[in-house]
Amino acid sequence: MQNNRLLRLLEFLDNDPNEPFILYALATEYNSMGDTENALKYYENLITYHSTYVGTYYHYAKLLDKLGRREDAIGVYKSGMEVAQNKGDRHALSELKAAYFEIAEDEEEENY
């Protein structure tokens, strides 16, 4: 059964289907519900059509890593760092760098 928050977000989406914040909120809501398929769908939509929406990159990469798609996650972190740098969003850049270095370090350790 869908929760009230999800229903409200879907209503907002009907009214404004191209609003990145609503798409991001839906991806996050689906992710928190454990609905990986829909979370991925909305994150991928954001990356494709709203590539400058910097908040997407961190959470999308985290989900990819959780699913065992580490190389994809690393690529998403790298893209996100570039977007954050271009936007001058130092806070997002810092968070993305920290997550990237953590996952890259883990990847490097696994290769030894």
Protein backbone atom coordinates (compact mmCIF):
# COMPACT_ATOMS: atom_id res chain seq x y z
CA MET A 1 0.00 0.00 0.00
CA GLN A 2 1.29 3.42 -0.90
CA ASN A 3 1.88 5.89 1.87
CA ASN A 4 0.31 9.34 2.04
CA ARG A 5 3.59 11.13 1.31
CA LEU A 6 4.05 9.13 -1.89
CA LEU A 7 0.49 9.83 -2.97
CA ARG A 8 0.99 13.56 -2.42
CA LEU A 9 4.24 13.53 -4.38
CA LEU A 10 2.53 11.74 -7.26
CA GLU A 11 -0.18 14.41 -7.21
CA PHE A 12 2.48 17.12 -7.35
CA LEU A 13 4.10 15.28 -10.25
CA ASP A 14 0.80 15.30 -12.15
CA ASN A 15 0.68 19.07 -11.74
CA ASP A 16 4.32 19.67 -12.64
CA PRO A 17 5.84 16.60 -14.34
CA ASN A 18 9.18 18.25 -15.09
CA GLU A 19 9.99 19.73 -11.69
CA PRO A 20 13.34 18.26 -10.56
CA PHE A 21 12.63 18.64 -6.85
CA ILE A 22 9.48 16.52 -7.16
CA LEU A 23 11.36 13.89 -9.17
CA TYR A 24 14.13 13.89 -6.55
CA ALA A 25 11.61 13.61 -3.71
CA LEU A 26 9.95 10.67 -5.46
CA ALA A 27 13.27 8.90 -5.98
CA THR A 28 14.13 9.43 -2.33
CA GLU A 29 10.71 8.24 -1.16
CA TYR A 30 10.83 5.10 -3.28
CA ASN A 31 14.35 4.44 -2.06
CA SER A 32 13.28 4.75 1.58
CA MET A 33 10.40 2.35 0.89
CA GLY A 34 12.81 -0.21 -0.57
CA ASP A 35 11.33 0.16 -4.07
CA THR A 36 14.68 0.09 -5.85
CA GLU A 37 13.23 -0.16 -9.34
CA ASN A 38 11.25 3.08 -9.07
CA ALA A 39 14.02 4.85 -7.16
CA LEU A 40 16.48 4.03 -9.95
CA LYS A 41 13.98 5.16 -12.57
CA TYR A 42 13.58 8.59 -11.01
CA TYR A 43 17.29 9.04 -10.26
CA GLU A 44 18.14 8.11 -13.85
CA ASN A 45 15.52 10.53 -15.14
CA LEU A 46 17.09 13.30 -13.09
CA ILE A 47 20.61 12.51 -14.31
CA THR A 48 19.39 12.44 -17.91
CA TYR A 49 17.06 15.44 -17.98
CA HIS A 50 18.16 17.54 -15.01
CA SER A 51 21.88 16.89 -14.87
CA THR A 52 22.59 20.06 -12.91
CA TYR A 53 20.34 19.01 -10.01
CA VAL A 54 23.32 18.25 -7.83
CA GLY A 55 21.46 16.59 -4.96
CA THR A 56 20.75 13.56 -7.12
CA TYR A 57 24.31 12.36 -7.48
CA TYR A 58 25.10 11.47 -3.89
CA HIS A 59 21.95 9.44 -3.26
CA TYR A 60 21.93 7.79 -6.66
CA ALA A 61 25.55 6.67 -6.23
CA LYS A 62 24.84 5.38 -2.71
CA LEU A 63 21.98 3.28 -4.08
CA LEU A 64 24.12 1.94 -6.92
CA ASP A 65 26.84 0.95 -4.45
CA LYS A 66 24.29 -0.74 -2.21
CA LEU A 67 23.16 -2.77 -5.23
CA GLY A 68 26.71 -3.91 -5.87
CA ARG A 69 27.20 -1.60 -8.83
CA ARG A 70 30.35 -0.01 -7.44
CA GLU A 71 31.90 1.05 -10.78
CA ASP A 72 28.65 2.76 -11.75
CA ALA A 73 28.55 4.47 -8.36
CA ILE A 74 32.10 5.74 -8.79
CA GLY A 75 31.15 7.21 -12.17
CA VAL A 76 28.12 8.93 -10.69
CA TYR A 77 30.22 10.42 -7.89
CA LYS A 78 32.72 11.74 -10.45
CA SER A 79 29.93 13.30 -12.53
CA GLY A 80 28.38 14.80 -9.43
CA MET A 81 31.68 16.34 -8.34
CA GLU A 82 32.00 17.98 -11.75
CA VAL A 83 28.46 19.36 -11.59
CA ALA A 84 28.94 20.63 -8.04
CA GLN A 85 32.24 22.27 -9.00
CA ASN A 86 30.66 23.95 -12.03
CA LYS A 87 27.78 25.24 -9.90
CA GLY A 88 30.10 26.44 -7.16
CA ASP A 89 28.31 24.26 -4.61
CA ARG A 90 31.17 23.63 -2.21
CA HIS A 91 29.06 21.80 0.36
CA ALA A 92 27.80 19.24 -2.18
CA LEU A 93 31.28 18.96 -3.66
CA SER A 94 32.71 18.18 -0.25
CA GLU A 95 30.10 15.48 0.46
CA LEU A 96 30.56 13.91 -2.98
CA LYS A 97 34.35 13.91 -2.65
CA ALA A 98 34.22 12.26 0.77
CA ALA A 99 31.88 9.54 -0.48
CA TYR A 100 33.90 9.07 -3.66
CA PHE A 101 37.21 8.71 -1.83
CA GLU A 102 35.65 6.26 0.62
CA ILE A 103 34.28 4.02 -2.13
CA ALA A 104 37.41 4.36 -4.30
CA GLU A 105 39.59 3.44 -1.32
CA ASP A 106 37.41 0.38 -0.62
CA GLU A 107 37.64 -0.61 -4.28
CA GLU A 108 41.42 -0.25 -4.22
CA GLU A 109 41.71 -2.38 -1.06
CA GLU A 110 39.58 -5.13 -2.62
CA ASN A 111 41.93 -5.29 -5.61
CA TYR A 112 44.94 -6.23 -3.44
